Amino acid sequence: PGWLEVAPEGMGEADTGFRIIPERAAVIRQIFQWCADGYGVGRIVRKLNDAKVLPWSRHGSGWSPTHILRLIEAPMAEGDFI
C-alpha cells in the first residue's frame, strides 16, 4: 500500500518488513474518518484536492473518486495481506 515502504531488515513495524510513512498514514486515517462521518467520495476528493494534498499514485495530478473508492474498499487498509 502507498502508506508503507519497505524497511531495512529488522527495522520494520513489528518486523513485518514494512515501515509506515506517517504523513500518508495520516491521509488514510482522515479519509476513513470522513467516510465514517458520512462524507461521500466526491466531497472527500474535493477536500483533499482543495487542501492540495498530493496523491501518491502515479496517475494524474490530483485525487479521483476511483482512487478514494479503491482505498476505502481495499482489505489492505484493515491490515489484510493479499
N, C-alpha and C. Protein backbone atom coordinates (compact mmCIF):
# COMPACT_ATOMS: atom_id res chain seq x y z
N PRO A 1 0.82 -1.21 0.00
CA PRO A 1 0.00 0.00 0.00
C PRO A 1 0.86 1.27 0.00
N GLY A 2 0.32 2.32 -0.52
CA GLY A 2 1.05 3.58 -0.66
C GLY A 2 1.45 4.25 0.63
N TRP A 3 0.93 3.80 1.76
CA TRP A 3 1.29 4.41 3.04
C TRP A 3 2.37 3.60 3.77
N LEU A 4 2.92 2.59 3.07
CA LEU A 4 4.00 1.79 3.64
C LEU A 4 5.20 1.83 2.71
N GLU A 5 6.38 1.63 3.30
CA GLU A 5 7.59 1.49 2.49
C GLU A 5 8.37 0.28 3.00
N VAL A 6 9.15 -0.30 2.13
CA VAL A 6 9.96 -1.44 2.52
C VAL A 6 11.02 -0.93 3.49
N ALA A 7 11.15 -1.60 4.61
CA ALA A 7 12.12 -1.21 5.63
C ALA A 7 13.35 -2.10 5.55
N PRO A 8 14.50 -1.56 5.95
CA PRO A 8 15.67 -2.43 6.04
C PRO A 8 15.38 -3.59 6.99
N GLU A 9 16.01 -4.71 6.77
CA GLU A 9 15.74 -5.91 7.57
C GLU A 9 15.82 -5.60 9.07
N GLY A 10 14.77 -6.01 9.78
CA GLY A 10 14.72 -5.81 11.21
C GLY A 10 14.33 -4.42 11.65
N MET A 11 14.00 -3.53 10.70
CA MET A 11 13.68 -2.14 11.04
C MET A 11 12.20 -1.82 10.81
N GLY A 12 11.41 -2.79 10.41
CA GLY A 12 10.00 -2.55 10.12
C GLY A 12 9.14 -2.58 11.35
N GLU A 13 7.88 -2.22 11.19
CA GLU A 13 6.90 -2.28 12.27
C GLU A 13 6.70 -3.73 12.66
N ALA A 14 7.04 -4.07 13.89
CA ALA A 14 6.89 -5.43 14.42
C ALA A 14 7.54 -6.45 13.47
N ASP A 15 8.65 -6.04 12.85
CA ASP A 15 9.40 -6.90 11.94
C ASP A 15 8.56 -7.46 10.79
N THR A 16 7.66 -6.62 10.26
CA THR A 16 6.86 -7.02 9.11
C THR A 16 7.63 -6.83 7.82
N GLY A 17 8.71 -6.06 7.88
CA GLY A 17 9.45 -5.72 6.67
C GLY A 17 9.00 -4.42 6.06
N PHE A 18 8.00 -3.78 6.67
CA PHE A 18 7.48 -2.50 6.17
C PHE A 18 7.53 -1.45 7.27
N ARG A 19 7.62 -0.21 6.83
CA ARG A 19 7.60 0.92 7.74
C ARG A 19 6.48 1.85 7.29
N ILE A 20 5.74 2.39 8.25
CA ILE A 20 4.64 3.31 7.95
C ILE A 20 5.22 4.67 7.57
N ILE A 21 4.67 5.26 6.52
CA ILE A 21 5.00 6.63 6.13
C ILE A 21 3.99 7.53 6.85
N PRO A 22 4.40 8.21 7.91
CA PRO A 22 3.45 8.91 8.78
C PRO A 22 2.50 9.88 8.08
N GLU A 23 3.00 10.70 7.16
CA GLU A 23 2.13 11.68 6.51
C GLU A 23 1.08 11.00 5.62
N ARG A 24 1.44 9.89 5.01
CA ARG A 24 0.47 9.17 4.17
C ARG A 24 -0.54 8.42 5.04
N ALA A 25 -0.07 7.84 6.13
CA ALA A 25 -0.98 7.16 7.06
C ALA A 25 -2.00 8.15 7.62
N ALA A 26 -1.58 9.38 7.87
CA ALA A 26 -2.50 10.41 8.36
C ALA A 26 -3.59 10.70 7.34
N VAL A 27 -3.22 10.70 6.06
CA VAL A 27 -4.21 10.92 4.99
C VAL A 27 -5.22 9.77 4.97
N ILE A 28 -4.74 8.54 5.07
CA ILE A 28 -5.63 7.37 5.07
C ILE A 28 -6.59 7.45 6.26
N ARG A 29 -6.06 7.77 7.42
CA ARG A 29 -6.92 7.89 8.62
C ARG A 29 -7.98 8.96 8.42
N GLN A 30 -7.57 10.10 7.83
CA GLN A 30 -8.52 11.19 7.60
C GLN A 30 -9.60 10.76 6.62
N ILE A 31 -9.23 10.07 5.56
CA ILE A 31 -10.21 9.58 4.58
C ILE A 31 -11.23 8.68 5.26
N PHE A 32 -10.76 7.75 6.08
CA PHE A 32 -11.69 6.85 6.78
C PHE A 32 -12.54 7.59 7.79
N GLN A 33 -11.99 8.62 8.44
CA GLN A 33 -12.78 9.39 9.38
C GLN A 33 -13.89 10.15 8.65
N TRP A 34 -13.55 10.78 7.53
CA TRP A 34 -14.56 11.49 6.75
C TRP A 34 -15.64 10.52 6.28
N CYS A 35 -15.24 9.33 5.87
CA CYS A 35 -16.20 8.32 5.44
C CYS A 35 -17.12 7.96 6.61
N ALA A 36 -16.56 7.75 7.79
CA ALA A 36 -17.35 7.42 8.98
C ALA A 36 -18.28 8.58 9.35
N ASP A 37 -17.86 9.80 9.06
CA ASP A 37 -18.67 10.99 9.36
C ASP A 37 -19.78 11.20 8.33
N GLY A 38 -19.82 10.34 7.32
CA GLY A 38 -20.88 10.42 6.32
C GLY A 38 -20.54 11.19 5.06
N TYR A 39 -19.30 11.56 4.89
CA TYR A 39 -18.91 12.27 3.67
C TYR A 39 -18.91 11.30 2.50
N GLY A 40 -19.40 11.77 1.37
CA GLY A 40 -19.36 10.96 0.15
C GLY A 40 -18.00 11.05 -0.51
N VAL A 41 -17.78 10.19 -1.47
CA VAL A 41 -16.49 10.14 -2.17
C VAL A 41 -16.17 11.47 -2.83
N GLY A 42 -17.16 12.08 -3.47
CA GLY A 42 -16.94 13.36 -4.14
C GLY A 42 -16.48 14.45 -3.19
N ARG A 43 -17.08 14.50 -2.02
CA ARG A 43 -16.72 15.51 -1.03
C ARG A 43 -15.30 15.25 -0.50
N ILE A 44 -14.95 13.99 -0.30
CA ILE A 44 -13.60 13.65 0.16
C ILE A 44 -12.58 14.07 -0.89
N VAL A 45 -12.87 13.79 -2.15
CA VAL A 45 -11.97 14.18 -3.24
C VAL A 45 -11.78 15.69 -3.25
N ARG A 46 -12.88 16.43 -3.15
CA ARG A 46 -12.79 17.90 -3.14
C ARG A 46 -11.96 18.41 -1.97
N LYS A 47 -12.18 17.84 -0.79
CA LYS A 47 -11.44 18.29 0.40
C LYS A 47 -9.94 18.05 0.24
N LEU A 48 -9.57 16.88 -0.26
CA LEU A 48 -8.15 16.58 -0.45
C LEU A 48 -7.52 17.47 -1.52
N ASN A 49 -8.21 17.62 -2.64
CA ASN A 49 -7.68 18.44 -3.72
C ASN A 49 -7.65 19.92 -3.34
N ASP A 50 -8.67 20.41 -2.65
CA ASP A 50 -8.69 21.81 -2.21
C ASP A 50 -7.56 22.10 -1.22
N ALA A 51 -7.23 21.10 -0.38
CA ALA A 51 -6.15 21.25 0.59
C ALA A 51 -4.78 20.99 -0.05
N LYS A 52 -4.78 20.68 -1.34
CA LYS A 52 -3.57 20.41 -2.10
C LYS A 52 -2.75 19.25 -1.52
N VAL A 53 -3.47 18.25 -1.03
CA VAL A 53 -2.83 17.02 -0.56
C VAL A 53 -2.49 16.21 -1.80
N LEU A 54 -1.23 15.94 -1.99
CA LEU A 54 -0.81 15.22 -3.19
C LEU A 54 -1.07 13.72 -3.05
N PRO A 55 -1.66 13.11 -4.07
CA PRO A 55 -1.83 11.65 -4.04
C PRO A 55 -0.48 11.00 -4.30
N TRP A 56 -0.34 9.78 -3.85
CA TRP A 56 0.93 9.09 -4.07
C TRP A 56 0.85 8.10 -5.21
N SER A 57 -0.24 8.13 -5.97
CA SER A 57 -0.33 7.26 -7.15
C SER A 57 0.44 7.91 -8.29
N ARG A 58 0.71 7.12 -9.27
CA ARG A 58 1.45 7.61 -10.43
C ARG A 58 0.54 8.19 -11.50
N HIS A 59 -0.76 8.14 -11.27
CA HIS A 59 -1.72 8.55 -12.29
C HIS A 59 -2.36 9.88 -11.90
N GLY A 60 -2.24 10.86 -12.77
CA GLY A 60 -2.91 12.12 -12.55
C GLY A 60 -2.22 13.00 -11.53
N SER A 61 -2.75 14.20 -11.40
CA SER A 61 -2.12 15.18 -10.52
C SER A 61 -2.95 15.45 -9.28
N GLY A 62 -4.11 14.82 -9.18
CA GLY A 62 -4.97 15.04 -8.02
C GLY A 62 -5.70 13.76 -7.66
N TRP A 63 -6.46 13.84 -6.58
CA TRP A 63 -7.25 12.70 -6.14
C TRP A 63 -8.46 12.53 -7.04
N SER A 64 -8.87 11.29 -7.23
CA SER A 64 -10.05 11.00 -8.05
C SER A 64 -11.01 10.13 -7.24
N PRO A 65 -12.30 10.11 -7.61
CA PRO A 65 -13.24 9.24 -6.93
C PRO A 65 -12.82 7.77 -6.96
N THR A 66 -12.27 7.32 -8.08
CA THR A 66 -11.83 5.93 -8.19
C THR A 66 -10.73 5.63 -7.19
N HIS A 67 -9.79 6.55 -7.04
CA HIS A 67 -8.69 6.36 -6.09
C HIS A 67 -9.23 6.23 -4.67
N ILE A 68 -10.15 7.10 -4.30
CA ILE A 68 -10.73 7.06 -2.94
C ILE A 68 -11.50 5.77 -2.73
N LEU A 69 -12.32 5.38 -3.70
CA LEU A 69 -13.08 4.13 -3.57
C LEU A 69 -12.17 2.92 -3.39
N ARG A 70 -11.09 2.89 -4.16
CA ARG A 70 -10.16 1.75 -4.05
C ARG A 70 -9.52 1.71 -2.67
N LEU A 71 -9.19 2.87 -2.12
CA LEU A 71 -8.61 2.90 -0.78
C LEU A 71 -9.61 2.45 0.28
N ILE A 72 -10.84 2.92 0.17
CA ILE A 72 -11.87 2.60 1.16
C ILE A 72 -12.23 1.11 1.11
N GLU A 73 -12.29 0.56 -0.08
CA GLU A 73 -12.71 -0.83 -0.25
C GLU A 73 -11.57 -1.84 -0.11
N ALA A 74 -10.33 -1.38 -0.07
CA ALA A 74 -9.18 -2.28 -0.06
C ALA A 74 -9.04 -3.00 1.28
N PRO A 75 -8.95 -4.32 1.27
CA PRO A 75 -8.74 -5.06 2.50
C PRO A 75 -7.42 -4.72 3.18
N MET A 76 -6.45 -4.22 2.41
CA MET A 76 -5.14 -3.90 2.99
C MET A 76 -5.23 -2.73 3.97
N ALA A 77 -6.25 -1.90 3.84
CA ALA A 77 -6.42 -0.79 4.78
C ALA A 77 -6.72 -1.29 6.20
N GLU A 78 -7.23 -2.51 6.28
CA GLU A 78 -7.51 -3.11 7.59
C GLU A 78 -6.40 -4.05 8.02
N GLY A 79 -5.34 -4.12 7.23
CA GLY A 79 -4.19 -4.94 7.59
C GLY A 79 -4.17 -6.31 6.97
N ASP A 80 -5.12 -6.59 6.06
CA ASP A 80 -5.14 -7.90 5.39
C ASP A 80 -4.10 -7.93 4.29
N PHE A 81 -3.30 -8.97 4.27
CA PHE A 81 -2.29 -9.15 3.23
C PHE A 81 -2.88 -9.94 2.09
N ILE A 82 -2.79 -9.41 0.90
CA ILE A 82 -3.31 -10.07 -0.29
C ILE A 82 -2.14 -10.47 -1.17
